[in-house]
């Protein structure tokens, strides 16, 4: 009888470990968070054993996917407006909360481009194309256009603007040489994967509105992976996660 109890206990323990190892979350992530999220996910998995599967896109596209039934558990947006819409519609179960403040930069790989001129350099003849994320679905794109409007250079560069699907695609456009410069996230150009490539300048912070980035637990996550989703959401505001975000040049709430 004692042997049977030992065997049953061992089988139960093995089953629990198997369930824990198989537990995973799908997190929809705004493209600007890509490199930072790799570190966030690794730290969370190390702490909990829960695997995190990211899906990267523009915030607006993620919202459309959620409304169409995409099985995402948590959403990390590039703004507060998109998660607020999901919360209002009942697609998110937590009030949107700021996890980071994004910073906007102008980045180029073109050697001769004189960034000491500030954004006025974009009006130079040597700059033929400028990449910006689609402002209809990408908050960083919307703020980039707001900046060039406030600085009064929009008329001089309007014909040069090339719209990318999201911030990550802006980086691809600059990388490929298809554009001379692009508006992107500071977190992307300063990441280890990109650091030292090309040059960049901060877009004057007074020229655009603060990019408050919000997170929510989605209804799908609450129903299907409630405990794991809550653990990740809590981790996102922990000192360990804040240190990662700060390393990638985000402002902290």
C-alpha atoms as a PDB file:
ATOM      1  CA  UNK A   1       0.000   0.000   0.000  1.00  0.00           C
ATOM      2  CA  UNK A   2       2.822   2.377   0.852  1.00  0.00           C
ATOM      3  CA  UNK A   3       4.448   1.662  -2.499  1.00  0.00           C
ATOM      4  CA  UNK A   4       1.180   2.397  -4.302  1.00  0.00           C
ATOM      5  CA  UNK A   5       0.880   5.767  -2.514  1.00  0.00           C
ATOM      6  CA  UNK A   6       4.432   6.665  -3.483  1.00  0.00           C
ATOM      7  CA  UNK A   7       3.758   5.760  -7.107  1.00  0.00           C
ATOM      8  CA  UNK A   8       0.483   7.738  -7.173  1.00  0.00           C
ATOM      9  CA  UNK A   9       2.179  10.762  -5.593  1.00  0.00           C
ATOM     10  CA  UNK A  10       5.008  10.585  -8.146  1.00  0.00           C
ATOM     11  CA  UNK A  11       2.527  10.389 -11.030  1.00  0.00           C
ATOM     12  CA  UNK A  12       0.588  13.378  -9.666  1.00  0.00           C
ATOM     13  CA  UNK A  13       3.766  15.415  -9.291  1.00  0.00           C
ATOM     14  CA  UNK A  14       4.837  14.518 -12.833  1.00  0.00           C
ATOM     15  CA  UNK A  15       1.427  15.533 -14.185  1.00  0.00           C
ATOM     16  CA  UNK A  16       1.614  18.907 -12.408  1.00  0.00           C
ATOM     17  CA  UNK A  17       5.103  19.537 -13.762  1.00  0.00           C
ATOM     18  CA  UNK A  18       3.959  18.623 -17.275  1.00  0.00           C
ATOM     19  CA  UNK A  19       1.019  21.050 -17.085  1.00  0.00           C
ATOM     20  CA  UNK A  20       3.273  23.791 -15.719  1.00  0.00           C
ATOM     21  CA  UNK A  21       5.884  23.210 -18.432  1.00  0.00           C
ATOM     22  CA  UNK A  22       3.197  23.306 -21.124  1.00  0.00           C
ATOM     23  CA  UNK A  23       1.623  26.510 -19.803  1.00  0.00           C
ATOM     24  CA  UNK A  24       2.152  29.448 -22.110  1.00  0.00           C
ATOM     25  CA  UNK A  25       0.861  32.910 -22.914  1.00  0.00           C
ATOM     26  CA  UNK A  26       0.427  34.707 -26.209  1.00  0.00           C
ATOM     27  CA  UNK A  27       1.165  38.403 -25.811  1.00  0.00           C
ATOM     28  CA  UNK A  28       0.348  40.935 -28.536  1.00  0.00           C
ATOM     29  CA  UNK A  29       3.132  43.511 -28.511  1.00  0.00           C
ATOM     30  CA  UNK A  30       3.504  46.891 -30.196  1.00  0.00           C
ATOM     31  CA  UNK A  31       6.436  46.766 -32.615  1.00  0.00           C
ATOM     32  CA  UNK A  32       8.510  49.361 -30.738  1.00  0.00           C
ATOM     33  CA  UNK A  33       8.820  46.999 -27.753  1.00  0.00           C
ATOM     34  CA  UNK A  34      10.297  44.117 -29.761  1.00  0.00           C
ATOM     35  CA  UNK A  35      13.872  44.052 -28.448  1.00  0.00           C
ATOM     36  CA  UNK A  36      12.922  44.945 -24.876  1.00  0.00           C
ATOM     37  CA  UNK A  37      10.228  42.286 -24.898  1.00  0.00           C
ATOM     38  CA  UNK A  38      12.747  39.551 -25.626  1.00  0.00           C
ATOM     39  CA  UNK A  39      14.398  40.361 -22.292  1.00  0.00           C
ATOM     40  CA  UNK A  40      11.080  40.779 -20.483  1.00  0.00           C
ATOM     41  CA  UNK A  41       9.809  37.405 -21.677  1.00  0.00           C
ATOM     42  CA  UNK A  42      13.058  35.632 -20.787  1.00  0.00           C
ATOM     43  CA  UNK A  43      13.048  37.069 -17.268  1.00  0.00           C
ATOM     44  CA  UNK A  44       9.394  36.180 -16.728  1.00  0.00           C
ATOM     45  CA  UNK A  45       9.864  32.619 -17.959  1.00  0.00           C
ATOM     46  CA  UNK A  46      12.919  32.196 -15.738  1.00  0.00           C
ATOM     47  CA  UNK A  47      10.866  33.296 -12.725  1.00  0.00           C
ATOM     48  CA  UNK A  48       7.680  31.339 -13.445  1.00  0.00           C
ATOM     49  CA  UNK A  49       8.368  28.609 -15.991  1.00  0.00           C
ATOM     50  CA  UNK A  50       5.571  30.040 -18.154  1.00  0.00           C
ATOM     51  CA  UNK A  51       6.507  30.362 -21.809  1.00  0.00           C
ATOM     52  CA  UNK A  52       5.652  33.649 -23.516  1.00  0.00           C
ATOM     53  CA  UNK A  53       4.888  33.774 -27.244  1.00  0.00           C
ATOM     54  CA  UNK A  54       4.961  37.328 -28.643  1.00  0.00           C
ATOM     55  CA  UNK A  55       3.072  38.568 -31.695  1.00  0.00           C
ATOM     56  CA  UNK A  56       4.460  41.890 -32.972  1.00  0.00           C
ATOM     57  CA  UNK A  57       2.480  44.407 -34.991  1.00  0.00           C
ATOM     58  CA  UNK A  58       1.189  47.962 -34.947  1.00  0.00           C
ATOM     59  CA  UNK A  59      -1.186  48.683 -32.092  1.00  0.00           C
ATOM     60  CA  UNK A  60      -4.087  49.436 -34.407  1.00  0.00           C
ATOM     61  CA  UNK A  61      -3.702  46.144 -36.262  1.00  0.00           C
ATOM     62  CA  UNK A  62      -3.563  44.237 -33.001  1.00  0.00           C
ATOM     63  CA  UNK A  63      -6.852  45.813 -31.936  1.00  0.00           C
ATOM     64  CA  UNK A  64      -8.449  44.729 -35.218  1.00  0.00           C
ATOM     65  CA  UNK A  65      -7.135  41.195 -34.721  1.00  0.00           C
ATOM     66  CA  UNK A  66      -8.476  41.037 -31.162  1.00  0.00           C
ATOM     67  CA  UNK A  67     -11.905  42.133 -32.346  1.00  0.00           C
ATOM     68  CA  UNK A  68     -11.785  39.404 -34.984  1.00  0.00           C
ATOM     69  CA  UNK A  69     -11.137  36.779 -32.312  1.00  0.00           C
ATOM     70  CA  UNK A  70      -7.340  36.480 -32.217  1.00  0.00           C
ATOM     71  CA  UNK A  71      -6.342  34.318 -29.217  1.00  0.00           C
ATOM     72  CA  UNK A  72      -4.170  36.870 -27.422  1.00  0.00           C
ATOM     73  CA  UNK A  73      -3.896  36.864 -23.636  1.00  0.00           C
ATOM     74  CA  UNK A  74      -2.257  40.233 -22.906  1.00  0.00           C
ATOM     75  CA  UNK A  75      -1.788  43.361 -25.015  1.00  0.00           C
ATOM     76  CA  UNK A  76       1.147  45.776 -24.727  1.00  0.00           C
ATOM     77  CA  UNK A  77       0.189  48.832 -26.770  1.00  0.00           C
ATOM     78  CA  UNK A  78       2.204  51.790 -28.014  1.00  0.00           C
ATOM     79  CA  UNK A  79      -0.392  54.167 -26.585  1.00  0.00           C
ATOM     80  CA  UNK A  80      -3.312  54.317 -24.165  1.00  0.00           C
ATOM     81  CA  UNK A  81      -6.077  54.926 -26.696  1.00  0.00           C
ATOM     82  CA  UNK A  82      -6.097  51.483 -28.291  1.00  0.00           C
ATOM     83  CA  UNK A  83      -6.222  49.458 -25.044  1.00  0.00           C
ATOM     84  CA  UNK A  84      -8.854  51.870 -23.758  1.00  0.00           C
ATOM     85  CA  UNK A  85     -11.027  51.055 -26.777  1.00  0.00           C
ATOM     86  CA  UNK A  86     -10.736  47.332 -26.053  1.00  0.00           C
ATOM     87  CA  UNK A  87     -11.599  47.884 -22.401  1.00  0.00           C
ATOM     88  CA  UNK A  88     -14.620  49.966 -23.346  1.00  0.00           C
ATOM     89  CA  UNK A  89     -15.771  47.239 -25.749  1.00  0.00           C
ATOM     90  CA  UNK A  90     -15.380  44.521 -23.124  1.00  0.00           C
ATOM     91  CA  UNK A  91     -12.479  42.901 -24.979  1.00  0.00           C
ATOM     92  CA  UNK A  92     -10.094  43.770 -22.142  1.00  0.00           C
ATOM     93  CA  UNK A  93     -10.769  43.012 -18.477  1.00  0.00           C
ATOM     94  CA  UNK A  94      -8.321  45.390 -16.777  1.00  0.00           C
ATOM     95  CA  UNK A  95      -8.256  49.174 -16.882  1.00  0.00           C
ATOM     96  CA  UNK A  96      -5.351  50.219 -19.178  1.00  0.00           C
ATOM     97  CA  UNK A  97      -2.269  51.051 -17.141  1.00  0.00           C
ATOM     98  CA  UNK A  98       0.910  52.779 -18.337  1.00  0.00           C
ATOM     99  CA  UNK A  99       3.940  50.486 -18.288  1.00  0.00           C
ATOM    100  CA  UNK A 100       6.378  52.793 -20.141  1.00  0.00           C
ATOM    101  CA  UNK A 101       6.799  56.092 -21.960  1.00  0.00           C
ATOM    102  CA  UNK A 102       8.235  55.821 -25.462  1.00  0.00           C
ATOM    103  CA  UNK A 103      10.731  58.232 -27.015  1.00  0.00           C
ATOM    104  CA  UNK A 104      10.869  59.237 -30.668  1.00  0.00           C
ATOM    105  CA  UNK A 105      14.056  59.586 -32.719  1.00  0.00           C
ATOM    106  CA  UNK A 106      15.137  60.329 -36.279  1.00  0.00           C
ATOM    107  CA  UNK A 107      17.546  57.626 -37.489  1.00  0.00           C
ATOM    108  CA  UNK A 108      19.738  57.378 -40.576  1.00  0.00           C
ATOM    109  CA  UNK A 109      22.485  55.205 -42.050  1.00  0.00           C
ATOM    110  CA  UNK A 110      23.502  57.888 -44.561  1.00  0.00           C
ATOM    111  CA  UNK A 111      27.039  59.043 -43.754  1.00  0.00           C
ATOM    112  CA  UNK A 112      26.773  62.557 -45.116  1.00  0.00           C
ATOM    113  CA  UNK A 113      23.549  63.543 -43.410  1.00  0.00           C
ATOM    114  CA  UNK A 114      24.175  66.397 -40.971  1.00  0.00           C
ATOM    115  CA  UNK A 115      21.926  65.680 -38.001  1.00  0.00           C
ATOM    116  CA  UNK A 116      23.290  68.722 -36.172  1.00  0.00           C
ATOM    117  CA  UNK A 117      20.670  70.656 -38.155  1.00  0.00           C
ATOM    118  CA  UNK A 118      17.931  68.824 -36.280  1.00  0.00           C
ATOM    119  CA  UNK A 119      14.815  67.768 -38.159  1.00  0.00           C
ATOM    120  CA  UNK A 120      15.359  70.649 -40.597  1.00  0.00           C
ATOM    121  CA  UNK A 121      17.892  68.385 -42.334  1.00  0.00           C
ATOM    122  CA  UNK A 122      14.964  66.454 -43.786  1.00  0.00           C
ATOM    123  CA  UNK A 123      14.284  69.338 -46.158  1.00  0.00           C
ATOM    124  CA  UNK A 124      17.742  68.944 -47.759  1.00  0.00           C
ATOM    125  CA  UNK A 125      17.842  67.690 -51.348  1.00  0.00           C
ATOM    126  CA  UNK A 126      19.993  64.685 -50.394  1.00  0.00           C
ATOM    127  CA  UNK A 127      17.071  63.348 -48.366  1.00  0.00           C
ATOM    128  CA  UNK A 128      14.711  61.901 -50.947  1.00  0.00           C
ATOM    129  CA  UNK A 129      12.591  59.575 -48.812  1.00  0.00           C
ATOM    130  CA  UNK A 130      11.658  59.551 -45.127  1.00  0.00           C
ATOM    131  CA  UNK A 131      10.002  56.560 -43.466  1.00  0.00           C
ATOM    132  CA  UNK A 132       7.252  57.001 -40.903  1.00  0.00           C
ATOM    133  CA  UNK A 133       4.904  54.426 -39.410  1.00  0.00           C
ATOM    134  CA  UNK A 134       1.310  54.578 -40.643  1.00  0.00           C
ATOM    135  CA  UNK A 135      -0.291  57.165 -38.339  1.00  0.00           C
ATOM    136  CA  UNK A 136      -3.715  55.499 -38.629  1.00  0.00           C
ATOM    137  CA  UNK A 137      -2.546  52.378 -36.775  1.00  0.00           C
ATOM    138  CA  UNK A 138       0.855  53.254 -35.258  1.00  0.00           C
ATOM    139  CA  UNK A 139       1.011  55.810 -32.418  1.00  0.00           C
ATOM    140  CA  UNK A 140       4.702  56.559 -33.056  1.00  0.00           C
ATOM    141  CA  UNK A 141       3.819  57.493 -36.627  1.00  0.00           C
ATOM    142  CA  UNK A 142       1.052  59.796 -35.449  1.00  0.00           C
ATOM    143  CA  UNK A 143       3.409  61.537 -33.036  1.00  0.00           C
ATOM    144  CA  UNK A 144       6.136  61.859 -35.697  1.00  0.00           C
ATOM    145  CA  UNK A 145       3.731  63.719 -37.960  1.00  0.00           C
ATOM    146  CA  UNK A 146       2.624  65.840 -35.041  1.00  0.00           C
ATOM    147  CA  UNK A 147       6.269  66.773 -34.460  1.00  0.00           C
ATOM    148  CA  UNK A 148       6.957  67.862 -38.043  1.00  0.00           C
ATOM    149  CA  UNK A 149       3.734  69.877 -37.981  1.00  0.00           C
ATOM    150  CA  UNK A 150       4.651  71.658 -34.763  1.00  0.00           C
ATOM    151  CA  UNK A 151       8.149  72.359 -36.044  1.00  0.00           C
ATOM    152  CA  UNK A 152       6.709  73.760 -39.266  1.00  0.00           C
ATOM    153  CA  UNK A 153       8.572  71.482 -41.697  1.00  0.00           C
ATOM    154  CA  UNK A 154       5.670  69.357 -42.936  1.00  0.00           C
ATOM    155  CA  UNK A 155       5.156  71.288 -46.233  1.00  0.00           C
ATOM    156  CA  UNK A 156       8.851  70.858 -47.127  1.00  0.00           C
ATOM    157  CA  UNK A 157       8.901  67.091 -46.573  1.00  0.00           C
ATOM    158  CA  UNK A 158       5.342  65.938 -47.326  1.00  0.00           C
ATOM    159  CA  UNK A 159       6.247  64.528 -50.755  1.00  0.00           C
ATOM    160  CA  UNK A 160       9.168  62.561 -49.276  1.00  0.00           C
ATOM    161  CA  UNK A 161       7.169  60.622 -46.693  1.00  0.00           C
ATOM    162  CA  UNK A 162       6.965  56.854 -47.121  1.00  0.00           C
ATOM    163  CA  UNK A 163       4.519  55.073 -44.832  1.00  0.00           C
ATOM    164  CA  UNK A 164       5.509  51.800 -43.183  1.00  0.00           C
ATOM    165  CA  UNK A 165       3.184  49.338 -41.521  1.00  0.00           C
ATOM    166  CA  UNK A 166       4.786  49.867 -38.116  1.00  0.00           C
ATOM    167  CA  UNK A 167       7.929  51.069 -36.352  1.00  0.00           C
ATOM    168  CA  UNK A 168       9.799  47.826 -36.999  1.00  0.00           C
ATOM    169  CA  UNK A 169       9.203  48.221 -40.737  1.00  0.00           C
ATOM    170  CA  UNK A 170      10.579  51.765 -40.561  1.00  0.00           C
ATOM    171  CA  UNK A 171      13.825  50.215 -39.307  1.00  0.00           C
ATOM    172  CA  UNK A 172      13.757  47.759 -42.221  1.00  0.00           C
ATOM    173  CA  UNK A 173      13.293  50.577 -44.723  1.00  0.00           C
ATOM    174  CA  UNK A 174      16.290  52.470 -43.325  1.00  0.00           C
ATOM    175  CA  UNK A 175      18.348  49.266 -43.108  1.00  0.00           C
ATOM    176  CA  UNK A 176      17.670  48.437 -46.750  1.00  0.00           C
ATOM    177  CA  UNK A 177      18.685  51.894 -47.987  1.00  0.00           C
ATOM    178  CA  UNK A 178      15.261  52.476 -49.511  1.00  0.00           C
ATOM    179  CA  UNK A 179      14.956  55.663 -47.453  1.00  0.00           C
ATOM    180  CA  UNK A 180      17.568  58.106 -46.219  1.00  0.00           C
ATOM    181  CA  UNK A 181      16.033  58.513 -42.767  1.00  0.00           C
ATOM    182  CA  UNK A 182      13.135  57.348 -40.651  1.00  0.00           C
ATOM    183  CA  UNK A 183      11.205  58.211 -37.507  1.00  0.00           C
ATOM    184  CA  UNK A 184      11.389  55.340 -35.075  1.00  0.00           C
ATOM    185  CA  UNK A 185      11.559  54.408 -31.408  1.00  0.00           C
ATOM    186  CA  UNK A 186      14.652  55.100 -29.348  1.00  0.00           C
ATOM    187  CA  UNK A 187      14.243  51.636 -27.843  1.00  0.00           C
ATOM    188  CA  UNK A 188      14.903  50.078 -31.261  1.00  0.00           C
ATOM    189  CA  UNK A 189      17.954  52.060 -32.426  1.00  0.00           C
ATOM    190  CA  UNK A 190      19.716  51.741 -29.057  1.00  0.00           C
ATOM    191  CA  UNK A 191      19.064  48.007 -28.640  1.00  0.00           C
ATOM    192  CA  UNK A 192      22.131  45.720 -28.744  1.00  0.00           C
ATOM    193  CA  UNK A 193      20.963  44.382 -32.103  1.00  0.00           C
ATOM    194  CA  UNK A 194      21.113  47.892 -33.639  1.00  0.00           C
ATOM    195  CA  UNK A 195      23.460  49.878 -31.382  1.00  0.00           C
ATOM    196  CA  UNK A 196      26.324  51.528 -33.253  1.00  0.00           C
ATOM    197  CA  UNK A 197      24.596  51.295 -36.619  1.00  0.00           C
ATOM    198  CA  UNK A 198      24.056  54.655 -38.225  1.00  0.00           C
ATOM    199  CA  UNK A 199      23.264  57.745 -36.182  1.00  0.00           C
ATOM    200  CA  UNK A 200      20.203  59.268 -34.616  1.00  0.00           C
ATOM    201  CA  UNK A 201      18.903  62.330 -32.838  1.00  0.00           C
ATOM    202  CA  UNK A 202      16.078  62.705 -30.367  1.00  0.00           C
ATOM    203  CA  UNK A 203      12.962  64.356 -31.722  1.00  0.00           C
ATOM    204  CA  UNK A 204      12.465  67.388 -29.443  1.00  0.00           C
ATOM    205  CA  UNK A 205      10.141  66.105 -26.709  1.00  0.00           C
ATOM    206  CA  UNK A 206       8.165  69.344 -26.737  1.00  0.00           C
ATOM    207  CA  UNK A 207       7.262  68.711 -30.399  1.00  0.00           C
ATOM    208  CA  UNK A 208       5.087  65.672 -29.686  1.00  0.00           C
ATOM    209  CA  UNK A 209       2.797  64.437 -26.956  1.00  0.00           C
ATOM    210  CA  UNK A 210       4.195  61.994 -24.369  1.00  0.00           C
ATOM    211  CA  UNK A 211       3.911  58.448 -25.728  1.00  0.00           C
ATOM    212  CA  UNK A 212       2.275  56.701 -22.801  1.00  0.00           C
ATOM    213  CA  UNK A 213       2.150  52.970 -23.523  1.00  0.00           C
ATOM    214  CA  UNK A 214      -0.571  50.935 -21.839  1.00  0.00           C
ATOM    215  CA  UNK A 215      -1.120  47.250 -21.093  1.00  0.00           C
ATOM    216  CA  UNK A 216      -4.282  45.216 -20.507  1.00  0.00           C
ATOM    217  CA  UNK A 217      -5.284  41.629 -19.863  1.00  0.00           C
ATOM    218  CA  UNK A 218      -7.582  40.625 -22.675  1.00  0.00           C
ATOM    219  CA  UNK A 219     -10.865  38.764 -22.233  1.00  0.00           C
ATOM    220  CA  UNK A 220      -9.465  35.705 -24.001  1.00  0.00           C
ATOM    221  CA  UNK A 221      -6.559  35.609 -21.571  1.00  0.00           C
ATOM    222  CA  UNK A 222      -8.811  35.970 -18.544  1.00  0.00           C
ATOM    223  CA  UNK A 223     -11.007  33.075 -19.679  1.00  0.00           C
ATOM    224  CA  UNK A 224      -8.323  30.703 -20.938  1.00  0.00           C
ATOM    225  CA  UNK A 225      -5.114  31.501 -19.042  1.00  0.00           C
ATOM    226  CA  UNK A 226      -6.289  33.721 -16.221  1.00  0.00           C
ATOM    227  CA  UNK A 227      -3.644  32.889 -13.615  1.00  0.00           C
ATOM    228  CA  UNK A 228      -0.720  33.069 -16.051  1.00  0.00           C
ATOM    229  CA  UNK A 229      -2.033  36.309 -17.606  1.00  0.00           C
ATOM    230  CA  UNK A 230      -2.333  37.937 -14.181  1.00  0.00           C
ATOM    231  CA  UNK A 231       1.183  36.818 -13.278  1.00  0.00           C
ATOM    232  CA  UNK A 232       2.635  38.354 -16.430  1.00  0.00           C
ATOM    233  CA  UNK A 233       0.634  41.555 -16.013  1.00  0.00           C
ATOM    234  CA  UNK A 234       1.917  41.899 -12.454  1.00  0.00           C
ATOM    235  CA  UNK A 235       5.474  41.138 -13.539  1.00  0.00           C
ATOM    236  CA  UNK A 236       5.314  43.945 -16.119  1.00  0.00           C
ATOM    237  CA  UNK A 237       5.214  46.488 -13.265  1.00  0.00           C
ATOM    238  CA  UNK A 238       7.833  44.776 -11.099  1.00  0.00           C
ATOM    239  CA  UNK A 239      11.297  46.233 -10.379  1.00  0.00           C
ATOM    240  CA  UNK A 240      12.864  43.577 -12.620  1.00  0.00           C
ATOM    241  CA  UNK A 241      10.696  44.539 -15.609  1.00  0.00           C
ATOM    242  CA  UNK A 242      11.161  48.252 -14.966  1.00  0.00           C
ATOM    243  CA  UNK A 243      14.948  47.758 -15.044  1.00  0.00           C
ATOM    244  CA  UNK A 244      14.651  46.098 -18.467  1.00  0.00           C
ATOM    245  CA  UNK A 245      12.483  48.916 -19.824  1.00  0.00           C
ATOM    246  CA  UNK A 246      14.836  51.543 -18.469  1.00  0.00           C
ATOM    247  CA  UNK A 247      17.785  49.758 -20.130  1.00  0.00           C
ATOM    248  CA  UNK A 248      15.993  50.171 -23.454  1.00  0.00           C
ATOM    249  CA  UNK A 249      15.579  53.921 -22.880  1.00  0.00           C
ATOM    250  CA  UNK A 250      11.902  53.974 -21.992  1.00  0.00           C
ATOM    251  CA  UNK A 251      10.618  56.477 -19.498  1.00  0.00           C
ATOM    252  CA  UNK A 252       8.993  54.880 -16.448  1.00  0.00           C
ATOM    253  CA  UNK A 253       5.611  55.734 -14.934  1.00  0.00           C
END
